[in-house]
Structure formats: C-alpha cells, structure tokens
C-alpha cells in the first residue's frame, strides 16, 4: 500500500484489502476480530486506536474492510506515522496476523 498523506485534522476512510501473501487470494475476514493502531514512527506509544466495532465490514467476505479516521484522530504532530492492522482469526489454533505496515504522513495544516 502506498503512503497515505493527510493534513492535520483531515478525516479519511482507509480501505484495507487483505490477501494471502503466497497466492494473492482474498482472505475471508468473516468472524475475525480486527484492530488498528497508529503510532509515530520509531515510537512505541499508540496515538490512535480503533477496535473491531469501528470497522466497516460490508466486504469482509472478500477481504475488504474499512476504518474511518476522524479529524480528531489526525490532529497529531506533523510527521511520519505507522498504521498497523491486526486480525485475530478464531478457531483452533487461534492465530493473530498483522498486515503490512501502512506509512502515514501527517502534514501541517495551513491556515
């Protein structure tokens, strides 16, 4: 996924398409638990966190889910951030997979 560039305070919907890295096939996310975290690059502390109920799941059977970042979410210090999608697959054994990190750039809002 290419860098996502946002202005401070800009609201944005992010669409994730989850595919199998080996086959390229869409992964059915029905019944999975999703989470998203955004942190400043090279810093551990999370500045934006989204839980399963925050996701749009209309396309989950074909691996497509969305989250909405509000203007408040993106009112962060300008800089480079990392977004991370985590997927908890239920069943036996339970597995947690992490998507490829999303590079997010927040630019200073101009007056």
Protein backbone atom coordinates (compact mmCIF):
# COMPACT_ATOMS: atom_id res chain seq x y z
CA UNK A 1 0.00 0.00 0.00
CA UNK A 2 1.34 3.45 -0.88
CA UNK A 3 1.93 6.15 1.70
CA UNK A 4 -1.20 7.84 2.96
CA UNK A 5 -0.71 11.61 3.19
CA UNK A 6 -3.11 13.58 5.39
CA UNK A 7 -3.36 17.17 6.55
CA UNK A 8 -3.73 17.72 10.28
CA UNK A 9 -7.41 17.47 11.15
CA UNK A 10 -8.40 15.79 7.86
CA UNK A 11 -10.95 12.99 8.13
CA UNK A 12 -10.27 9.96 5.95
CA UNK A 13 -11.63 6.48 5.31
CA UNK A 14 -8.91 3.85 4.88
CA UNK A 15 -9.76 0.72 2.92
CA UNK A 16 -7.80 -2.46 3.58
CA UNK A 17 -7.84 -5.37 1.16
CA UNK A 18 -6.43 -8.44 2.89
CA UNK A 19 -4.95 -11.12 0.65
CA UNK A 20 -2.88 -14.25 1.12
CA UNK A 21 0.78 -13.28 0.61
CA UNK A 22 1.52 -16.55 -1.16
CA UNK A 23 -1.47 -16.85 -3.51
CA UNK A 24 -2.82 -13.30 -3.76
CA UNK A 25 -6.31 -14.65 -2.97
CA UNK A 26 -8.69 -12.62 -0.83
CA UNK A 27 -8.95 -13.79 2.78
CA UNK A 28 -12.45 -14.15 4.21
CA UNK A 29 -12.50 -11.99 7.35
CA UNK A 30 -15.99 -13.07 8.46
CA UNK A 31 -15.90 -13.76 12.19
CA UNK A 32 -12.43 -12.28 12.70
CA UNK A 33 -11.70 -9.62 15.29
CA UNK A 34 -9.97 -6.53 13.88
CA UNK A 35 -7.90 -3.78 15.47
CA UNK A 36 -5.98 -0.79 14.12
CA UNK A 37 -3.26 1.22 15.82
CA UNK A 38 -1.32 4.26 14.64
CA UNK A 39 1.90 5.44 16.23
CA UNK A 40 4.62 7.93 15.45
CA UNK A 41 7.40 6.20 13.54
CA UNK A 42 10.11 4.82 15.89
CA UNK A 43 7.91 5.48 18.94
CA UNK A 44 6.06 2.70 20.77
CA UNK A 45 3.14 4.74 22.16
CA UNK A 46 -0.09 4.42 20.16
CA UNK A 47 -1.78 7.74 19.31
CA UNK A 48 -4.86 6.37 17.51
CA UNK A 49 -6.55 3.07 18.28
CA UNK A 50 -9.59 1.51 16.62
CA UNK A 51 -11.39 -1.62 17.84
CA UNK A 52 -13.42 -4.23 16.00
CA UNK A 53 -16.69 -2.27 16.18
CA UNK A 54 -15.07 0.73 14.47
CA UNK A 55 -14.57 -1.18 11.19
CA UNK A 56 -16.83 -1.14 8.16
CA UNK A 57 -17.22 -4.80 7.28
CA UNK A 58 -19.51 -4.82 4.22
CA UNK A 59 -16.81 -6.53 2.12
CA UNK A 60 -15.29 -8.75 4.79
CA UNK A 61 -16.07 -11.99 2.94
CA UNK A 62 -13.80 -10.78 0.12
CA UNK A 63 -11.10 -9.43 2.45
CA UNK A 64 -12.16 -5.77 2.30
CA UNK A 65 -12.66 -3.72 5.48
CA UNK A 66 -12.57 0.00 6.22
CA UNK A 67 -11.88 2.30 9.12
CA UNK A 68 -12.68 5.97 9.46
CA UNK A 69 -10.07 8.35 10.88
CA UNK A 70 -11.78 11.43 12.27
CA UNK A 71 -10.38 14.93 12.16
CA UNK A 72 -9.59 14.49 15.85
CA UNK A 73 -7.64 11.29 15.09
CA UNK A 74 -5.43 13.14 12.62
CA UNK A 75 -4.86 16.23 14.75
CA UNK A 76 -1.39 14.93 15.57
CA UNK A 77 2.08 16.43 15.42
CA UNK A 78 3.14 16.56 11.76
CA UNK A 79 5.43 13.67 10.90
CA UNK A 80 5.72 10.08 9.80
CA UNK A 81 3.41 7.55 11.40
CA UNK A 82 2.91 3.80 11.12
CA UNK A 83 -0.55 2.26 10.89
CA UNK A 84 -1.00 -1.41 11.73
CA UNK A 85 -3.97 -3.67 11.05
CA UNK A 86 -4.22 -6.72 13.32
CA UNK A 87 -6.54 -9.62 12.62
CA UNK A 88 -7.49 -12.24 15.22
CA UNK A 89 -8.64 -15.43 13.50
CA UNK A 90 -10.83 -17.60 15.71
CA UNK A 91 -10.70 -21.36 15.68
CA UNK A 92 -8.11 -23.90 16.55
CA UNK A 93 -5.42 -22.82 16.90
CA UNK A 94 -6.26 -19.15 17.37
CA UNK A 95 -3.87 -17.01 15.37
CA UNK A 96 -3.14 -13.29 15.19
CA UNK A 97 -1.89 -11.93 11.91
CA UNK A 98 -0.59 -8.48 11.20
CA UNK A 99 -0.86 -6.76 7.88
CA UNK A 100 1.97 -4.94 6.20
CA UNK A 101 2.51 -1.63 7.96
CA UNK A 102 0.87 1.41 6.40
CA UNK A 103 3.06 4.52 6.22
CA UNK A 104 1.00 7.58 7.16
CA UNK A 105 2.33 11.09 6.75
CA UNK A 106 0.57 13.89 8.60
CA UNK A 107 1.32 17.32 7.19
CA UNK A 108 0.87 20.61 8.99
CA UNK A 109 -2.49 22.19 8.24
CA UNK A 110 -2.21 25.57 6.53
CA UNK A 111 -4.38 28.46 7.61
